[in-house]
Amino acid sequence: MTLKEKLTSLTTEFTTLKTKIRTKFTAQTQTITQTQTKLNESNRKLELQMKENSENEKVLETLLKEFKELEEEIK
């Protein structure tokens, strides 16, 4: 194999490896982006659930207070 052929072969191999790396990087970037999007959606849902739970807890506290007052009235 001549020096020129070796250089051509190495250049081709380098280009192939560069393409594989870029393809893998792009795929990983897309995966990270999708994961981040799902995580953000999940966080929003959790925040909404926490807010709803807090509101429900307030309602339950109010009901408990009212029941205690009714219990006192009955006595």
PDB file of N, CA and C in Angstrom:
ATOM      1  N   MET A   1       0.865  -1.177   0.000  1.00  0.00           N
ATOM      2  CA  MET A   1       0.000   0.000   0.000  1.00  0.00           C
ATOM      3  C   MET A   1       0.904   1.230   0.000  1.00  0.00           C
ATOM      4  N   THR A   2       0.615   2.118  -0.908  1.00  0.00           N
ATOM      5  CA  THR A   2       1.440   3.325  -1.005  1.00  0.00           C
ATOM      6  C   THR A   2       1.029   4.305   0.076  1.00  0.00           C
ATOM      7  N   LEU A   3       1.870   5.285   0.255  1.00  0.00           N
ATOM      8  CA  LEU A   3       1.600   6.314   1.260  1.00  0.00           C
ATOM      9  C   LEU A   3       0.306   7.056   0.946  1.00  0.00           C
ATOM     10  N   LYS A   4       0.102   7.321  -0.338  1.00  0.00           N
ATOM     11  CA  LYS A   4      -1.123   8.014  -0.754  1.00  0.00           C
ATOM     12  C   LYS A   4      -2.353   7.163  -0.461  1.00  0.00           C
ATOM     13  N   GLU A   5      -2.271   5.862  -0.696  1.00  0.00           N
ATOM     14  CA  GLU A   5      -3.384   4.949  -0.425  1.00  0.00           C
ATOM     15  C   GLU A   5      -3.659   4.858   1.074  1.00  0.00           C
ATOM     16  N   LYS A   6      -2.590   4.829   1.867  1.00  0.00           N
ATOM     17  CA  LYS A   6      -2.757   4.805   3.326  1.00  0.00           C
ATOM     18  C   LYS A   6      -3.419   6.083   3.809  1.00  0.00           C
ATOM     19  N   LEU A   7      -2.977   7.201   3.245  1.00  0.00           N
ATOM     20  CA  LEU A   7      -3.560   8.490   3.628  1.00  0.00           C
ATOM     21  C   LEU A   7      -5.033   8.545   3.242  1.00  0.00           C
ATOM     22  N   THR A   8      -5.343   8.068   2.057  1.00  0.00           N
ATOM     23  CA  THR A   8      -6.738   8.027   1.595  1.00  0.00           C
ATOM     24  C   THR A   8      -7.562   7.122   2.503  1.00  0.00           C
ATOM     25  N   SER A   9      -7.013   5.981   2.864  1.00  0.00           N
ATOM     26  CA  SER A   9      -7.709   5.038   3.737  1.00  0.00           C
ATOM     27  C   SER A   9      -7.949   5.654   5.120  1.00  0.00           C
ATOM     28  N   LEU A  10      -6.917   6.294   5.648  1.00  0.00           N
ATOM     29  CA  LEU A  10      -7.054   6.938   6.963  1.00  0.00           C
ATOM     30  C   LEU A  10      -8.057   8.085   6.921  1.00  0.00           C
ATOM     31  N   THR A  11      -8.051   8.848   5.852  1.00  0.00           N
ATOM     32  CA  THR A  11      -9.004   9.951   5.692  1.00  0.00           C
ATOM     33  C   THR A  11     -10.425   9.414   5.640  1.00  0.00           C
ATOM     34  N   THR A  12     -10.628   8.337   4.902  1.00  0.00           N
ATOM     35  CA  THR A  12     -11.954   7.712   4.811  1.00  0.00           C
ATOM     36  C   THR A  12     -12.383   7.182   6.174  1.00  0.00           C
ATOM     37  N   GLU A  13     -11.466   6.518   6.866  1.00  0.00           N
ATOM     38  CA  GLU A  13     -11.788   5.978   8.187  1.00  0.00           C
ATOM     39  C   GLU A  13     -12.118   7.107   9.160  1.00  0.00           C
ATOM     40  N   PHE A  14     -11.332   8.189   9.095  1.00  0.00           N
ATOM     41  CA  PHE A  14     -11.581   9.339   9.969  1.00  0.00           C
ATOM     42  C   PHE A  14     -12.957   9.939   9.697  1.00  0.00           C
ATOM     43  N   THR A  15     -13.288  10.090   8.436  1.00  0.00           N
ATOM     44  CA  THR A  15     -14.596  10.646   8.053  1.00  0.00           C
ATOM     45  C   THR A  15     -15.729   9.753   8.540  1.00  0.00           C
ATOM     46  N   THR A  16     -15.544   8.449   8.403  1.00  0.00           N
ATOM     47  CA  THR A  16     -16.556   7.491   8.863  1.00  0.00           C
ATOM     48  C   THR A  16     -16.746   7.595  10.373  1.00  0.00           C
ATOM     49  N   LEU A  17     -15.631   7.626  11.099  1.00  0.00           N
ATOM     50  CA  LEU A  17     -15.719   7.736  12.566  1.00  0.00           C
ATOM     51  C   LEU A  17     -16.357   9.054  12.986  1.00  0.00           C
ATOM     52  N   LYS A  18     -15.996  10.121  12.305  1.00  0.00           N
ATOM     53  CA  LYS A  18     -16.571  11.433  12.614  1.00  0.00           C
ATOM     54  C   LYS A  18     -18.085  11.418  12.405  1.00  0.00           C
ATOM     55  N   THR A  19     -18.512  10.791  11.313  1.00  0.00           N
ATOM     56  CA  THR A  19     -19.946  10.689  11.036  1.00  0.00           C
ATOM     57  C   THR A  19     -20.655   9.867  12.103  1.00  0.00           C
ATOM     58  N   LYS A  20     -20.044   8.747  12.506  1.00  0.00           N
ATOM     59  CA  LYS A  20     -20.644   7.910  13.552  1.00  0.00           C
ATOM     60  C   LYS A  20     -20.760   8.675  14.863  1.00  0.00           C
ATOM     61  N   ILE A  21     -19.730   9.411  15.198  1.00  0.00           N
ATOM     62  CA  ILE A  21     -19.741  10.190  16.450  1.00  0.00           C
ATOM     63  C   ILE A  21     -20.824  11.261  16.393  1.00  0.00           C
ATOM     64  N   ARG A  22     -20.910  11.956  15.280  1.00  0.00           N
ATOM     65  CA  ARG A  22     -21.939  13.008  15.151  1.00  0.00           C
ATOM     66  C   ARG A  22     -23.349  12.416  15.227  1.00  0.00           C
ATOM     67  N   THR A  23     -23.534  11.262  14.584  1.00  0.00           N
ATOM     68  CA  THR A  23     -24.840  10.597  14.605  1.00  0.00           C
ATOM     69  C   THR A  23     -25.202  10.183  16.028  1.00  0.00           C
ATOM     70  N   LYS A  24     -24.229   9.596  16.725  1.00  0.00           N
ATOM     71  CA  LYS A  24     -24.479   9.166  18.102  1.00  0.00           C
ATOM     72  C   LYS A  24     -24.751  10.369  18.999  1.00  0.00           C
ATOM     73  N   PHE A  25     -23.982  11.435  18.811  1.00  0.00           N
ATOM     74  CA  PHE A  25     -24.177  12.654  19.595  1.00  0.00           C
ATOM     75  C   PHE A  25     -25.568  13.235  19.363  1.00  0.00           C
ATOM     76  N   THR A  26     -25.987  13.269  18.104  1.00  0.00           N
ATOM     77  CA  THR A  26     -27.319  13.782  17.774  1.00  0.00           C
ATOM     78  C   THR A  26     -28.403  12.940  18.432  1.00  0.00           C
ATOM     79  N   ALA A  27     -28.248  11.625  18.369  1.00  0.00           N
ATOM     80  CA  ALA A  27     -29.238  10.726  18.981  1.00  0.00           C
ATOM     81  C   ALA A  27     -29.285  10.936  20.490  1.00  0.00           C
ATOM     82  N   GLN A  28     -28.118  11.063  21.111  1.00  0.00           N
ATOM     83  CA  GLN A  28     -28.074  11.271  22.562  1.00  0.00           C
ATOM     84  C   GLN A  28     -28.672  12.620  22.945  1.00  0.00           C
ATOM     85  N   THR A  29     -28.417  13.621  22.142  1.00  0.00           N
ATOM     86  CA  THR A  29     -28.984  14.947  22.399  1.00  0.00           C
ATOM     87  C   THR A  29     -30.507  14.903  22.316  1.00  0.00           C
ATOM     88  N   GLN A  30     -31.022  14.190  21.323  1.00  0.00           N
ATOM     89  CA  GLN A  30     -32.474  14.048  21.184  1.00  0.00           C
ATOM     90  C   GLN A  30     -33.050  13.302  22.383  1.00  0.00           C
ATOM     91  N   THR A  31     -32.371  12.271  22.825  1.00  0.00           N
ATOM     92  CA  THR A  31     -32.830  11.509  23.989  1.00  0.00           C
ATOM     93  C   THR A  31     -32.851  12.390  25.228  1.00  0.00           C
ATOM     94  N   ILE A  32     -31.807  13.172  25.406  1.00  0.00           N
ATOM     95  CA  ILE A  32     -31.745  14.080  26.562  1.00  0.00           C
ATOM     96  C   ILE A  32     -32.870  15.102  26.490  1.00  0.00           C
ATOM     97  N   THR A  33     -33.108  15.644  25.318  1.00  0.00           N
ATOM     98  CA  THR A  33     -34.179  16.629  25.145  1.00  0.00           C
ATOM     99  C   THR A  33     -35.540  16.020  25.453  1.00  0.00           C
ATOM    100  N   GLN A  34     -35.774  14.808  24.951  1.00  0.00           N
ATOM    101  CA  GLN A  34     -37.052  14.129  25.216  1.00  0.00           C
ATOM    102  C   GLN A  34     -37.204  13.835  26.703  1.00  0.00           C
ATOM    103  N   THR A  35     -36.130  13.393  27.326  1.00  0.00           N
ATOM    104  CA  THR A  35     -36.172  13.092  28.752  1.00  0.00           C
ATOM    105  C   THR A  35     -36.450  14.353  29.558  1.00  0.00           C
ATOM    106  N   GLN A  36     -35.812  15.454  29.192  1.00  0.00           N
ATOM    107  CA  GLN A  36     -36.013  16.725  29.881  1.00  0.00           C
ATOM    108  C   GLN A  36     -37.458  17.196  29.723  1.00  0.00           C
ATOM    109  N   THR A  37     -38.007  17.031  28.531  1.00  0.00           N
ATOM    110  CA  THR A  37     -39.397  17.417  28.284  1.00  0.00           C
ATOM    111  C   THR A  37     -40.346  16.596  29.161  1.00  0.00           C
ATOM    112  N   LYS A  38     -40.112  15.283  29.220  1.00  0.00           N
ATOM    113  CA  LYS A  38     -40.952  14.419  30.055  1.00  0.00           C
ATOM    114  C   LYS A  38     -40.806  14.778  31.528  1.00  0.00           C
ATOM    115  N   LEU A  39     -39.588  15.092  31.933  1.00  0.00           N
ATOM    116  CA  LEU A  39     -39.352  15.477  33.319  1.00  0.00           C
ATOM    117  C   LEU A  39     -40.079  16.774  33.659  1.00  0.00           C
ATOM    118  N   ASN A  40     -40.028  17.743  32.755  1.00  0.00           N
ATOM    119  CA  ASN A  40     -40.736  19.007  32.968  1.00  0.00           C
ATOM    120  C   ASN A  40     -42.242  18.791  33.071  1.00  0.00           C
ATOM    121  N   GLU A  41     -42.778  17.950  32.197  1.00  0.00           N
ATOM    122  CA  GLU A  41     -44.217  17.641  32.244  1.00  0.00           C
ATOM    123  C   GLU A  41     -44.571  16.961  33.562  1.00  0.00           C
ATOM    124  N   SER A  42     -43.744  16.037  33.968  1.00  0.00           N
ATOM    125  CA  SER A  42     -43.976  15.324  35.223  1.00  0.00           C
ATOM    126  C   SER A  42     -43.930  16.288  36.403  1.00  0.00           C
ATOM    127  N   ASN A  43     -42.970  17.193  36.380  1.00  0.00           N
ATOM    128  CA  ASN A  43     -42.873  18.188  37.461  1.00  0.00           C
ATOM    129  C   ASN A  43     -44.106  19.083  37.512  1.00  0.00           C
ATOM    130  N   ARG A  44     -44.599  19.484  36.337  1.00  0.00           N
ATOM    131  CA  ARG A  44     -45.810  20.313  36.302  1.00  0.00           C
ATOM    132  C   ARG A  44     -47.003  19.558  36.887  1.00  0.00           C
ATOM    133  N   LYS A  45     -47.119  18.278  36.533  1.00  0.00           N
ATOM    134  CA  LYS A  45     -48.214  17.466  37.069  1.00  0.00           C
ATOM    135  C   LYS A  45     -48.096  17.334  38.585  1.00  0.00           C
ATOM    136  N   LEU A  46     -46.877  17.118  39.060  1.00  0.00           N
ATOM    137  CA  LEU A  46     -46.674  17.006  40.507  1.00  0.00           C
ATOM    138  C   LEU A  46     -47.026  18.309  41.228  1.00  0.00           C
ATOM    139  N   GLU A  47     -46.634  19.423  40.642  1.00  0.00           N
ATOM    140  CA  GLU A  47     -46.972  20.714  41.243  1.00  0.00           C
ATOM    141  C   GLU A  47     -48.483  20.907  41.319  1.00  0.00           C
ATOM    142  N   LEU A  48     -49.182  20.534  40.247  1.00  0.00           N
ATOM    143  CA  LEU A  48     -50.641  20.640  40.247  1.00  0.00           C
ATOM    144  C   LEU A  48     -51.256  19.721  41.298  1.00  0.00           C
ATOM    145  N   GLN A  49     -50.722  18.506  41.413  1.00  0.00           N
ATOM    146  CA  GLN A  49     -51.228  17.569  42.424  1.00  0.00           C
ATOM    147  C   GLN A  49     -50.980  18.103  43.834  1.00  0.00           C
ATOM    148  N   MET A  50     -49.813  18.674  44.040  1.00  0.00           N
ATOM    149  CA  MET A  50     -49.508  19.234  45.363  1.00  0.00           C
ATOM    150  C   MET A  50     -50.454  20.386  45.695  1.00  0.00           C
ATOM    151  N   LYS A  51     -50.729  21.220  44.702  1.00  0.00           N
ATOM    152  CA  LYS A  51     -51.656  22.330  44.913  1.00  0.00           C
ATOM    153  C   LYS A  51     -53.052  21.802  45.235  1.00  0.00           C
ATOM    154  N   GLU A  52     -53.481  20.811  44.460  1.00  0.00           N
ATOM    155  CA  GLU A  52     -54.799  20.214  44.690  1.00  0.00           C
ATOM    156  C   GLU A  52     -54.859  19.559  46.069  1.00  0.00           C
ATOM    157  N   ASN A  53     -53.793  18.858  46.440  1.00  0.00           N
ATOM    158  CA  ASN A  53     -53.751  18.221  47.756  1.00  0.00           C
ATOM    159  C   ASN A  53     -53.826  19.258  48.871  1.00  0.00           C
ATOM    160  N   SER A  54     -53.157  20.366  48.675  1.00  0.00           N
ATOM    161  CA  SER A  54     -53.180  21.431  49.672  1.00  0.00           C
ATOM    162  C   SER A  54     -54.592  22.005  49.826  1.00  0.00           C
ATOM    163  N   GLU A  55     -55.238  22.206  48.684  1.00  0.00           N
ATOM    164  CA  GLU A  55     -56.608  22.715  48.717  1.00  0.00           C
ATOM    165  C   GLU A  55     -57.539  21.707  49.391  1.00  0.00           C
ATOM    166  N   ASN A  56     -57.363  20.430  49.078  1.00  0.00           N
ATOM    167  CA  ASN A  56     -58.183  19.390  49.694  1.00  0.00           C
ATOM    168  C   ASN A  56     -57.943  19.319  51.204  1.00  0.00           C
ATOM    169  N   GLU A  57     -56.699  19.513  51.589  1.00  0.00           N
ATOM    170  CA  GLU A  57     -56.376  19.492  53.018  1.00  0.00           C
ATOM    171  C   GLU A  57     -57.076  20.649  53.747  1.00  0.00           C
ATOM    172  N   LYS A  58     -57.119  21.801  53.116  1.00  0.00           N
ATOM    173  CA  LYS A  58     -57.808  22.948  53.717  1.00  0.00           C
ATOM    174  C   LYS A  58     -59.297  22.658  53.879  1.00  0.00           C
ATOM    175  N   VAL A  59     -59.891  22.034  52.861  1.00  0.00           N
ATOM    176  CA  VAL A  59     -61.312  21.687  52.931  1.00  0.00           C
ATOM    177  C   VAL A  59     -61.546  20.692  54.071  1.00  0.00           C
ATOM    178  N   LEU A  60     -60.668  19.698  54.171  1.00  0.00           N
ATOM    179  CA  LEU A  60     -60.806  18.710  55.246  1.00  0.00           C
ATOM    180  C   LEU A  60     -60.655  19.348  56.625  1.00  0.00           C
ATOM    181  N   GLU A  61     -59.741  20.277  56.752  1.00  0.00           N
ATOM    182  CA  GLU A  61     -59.569  20.976  58.032  1.00  0.00           C
ATOM    183  C   GLU A  61     -60.820  21.771  58.391  1.00  0.00           C
ATOM    184  N   THR A  62     -61.412  22.416  57.382  1.00  0.00           N
ATOM    185  CA  THR A  62     -62.643  23.168  57.605  1.00  0.00           C
ATOM    186  C   THR A  62     -63.771  22.234  58.034  1.00  0.00           C
ATOM    187  N   LEU A  63     -63.885  21.094  57.342  1.00  0.00           N
ATOM    188  CA  LEU A  63     -64.918  20.122  57.699  1.00  0.00           C
ATOM    189  C   LEU A  63     -64.704  19.578  59.117  1.00  0.00           C
ATOM    190  N   LEU A  64     -63.478  19.299  59.451  1.00  0.00           N
ATOM    191  CA  LEU A  64     -63.168  18.804  60.791  1.00  0.00           C
ATOM    192  C   LEU A  64     -63.566  19.835  61.849  1.00  0.00           C
ATOM    193  N   LYS A  65     -63.264  21.081  61.582  1.00  0.00           N
ATOM    194  CA  LYS A  65     -63.628  22.156  62.510  1.00  0.00           C
ATOM    195  C   LYS A  65     -65.145  22.230  62.661  1.00  0.00           C
ATOM    196  N   GLU A  66     -65.847  22.147  61.533  1.00  0.00           N
ATOM    197  CA  GLU A  66     -67.308  22.210  61.575  1.00  0.00           C
ATOM    198  C   GLU A  66     -67.887  21.020  62.338  1.00  0.00           C
ATOM    199  N   PHE A  67     -67.332  19.844  62.131  1.00  0.00           N
ATOM    200  CA  PHE A  67     -67.810  18.668  62.866  1.00  0.00           C
ATOM    201  C   PHE A  67     -67.572  18.814  64.365  1.00  0.00           C
ATOM    202  N   LYS A  68     -66.444  19.367  64.717  1.00  0.00           N
ATOM    203  CA  LYS A  68     -66.156  19.579  66.143  1.00  0.00           C
ATOM    204  C   LYS A  68     -67.143  20.567  66.748  1.00  0.00           C
ATOM    205  N   GLU A  69     -67.456  21.610  65.991  1.00  0.00           N
ATOM    206  CA  GLU A  69     -68.439  22.588  66.461  1.00  0.00           C
ATOM    207  C   GLU A  69     -69.810  21.944  66.611  1.00  0.00           C
ATOM    208  N   LEU A  70     -70.189  21.117  65.652  1.00  0.00           N
ATOM    209  CA  LEU A  70     -71.473  20.412  65.730  1.00  0.00           C
ATOM    210  C   LEU A  70     -71.490  19.466  66.925  1.00  0.00           C
ATOM    211  N   GLU A  71     -70.383  18.812  67.162  1.00  0.00           N
ATOM    212  CA  GLU A  71     -70.286  17.908  68.302  1.00  0.00           C
ATOM    213  C   GLU A  71     -70.481  18.672  69.601  1.00  0.00           C
ATOM    214  N   GLU A  72     -69.907  19.840  69.687  1.00  0.00           N
ATOM    215  CA  GLU A  72     -70.059  20.660  70.885  1.00  0.00           C
ATOM    216  C   GLU A  72     -71.504  21.129  71.074  1.00  0.00           C
ATOM    217  N   GLU A  73     -72.148  21.453  69.963  1.00  0.00           N
ATOM    218  CA  GLU A  73     -73.544  21.895  70.024  1.00  0.00           C
ATOM    219  C   GLU A  73     -74.442  20.758  70.494  1.00  0.00           C
ATOM    220  N   ILE A  74     -74.128  19.558  70.051  1.00  0.00           N
ATOM    221  CA  ILE A  74     -74.942  18.386  70.404  1.00  0.00           C
ATOM    222  C   ILE A  74     -74.812  18.090  71.892  1.00  0.00           C
ATOM    223  N   LYS A  75     -73.663  18.288  72.462  1.00  0.00           N
ATOM    224  CA  LYS A  75     -73.432  17.961  73.874  1.00  0.00           C
ATOM    225  C   LYS A  75     -74.228  18.812  74.770  1.00  0.00           C
TER     226      LYS A  75
END
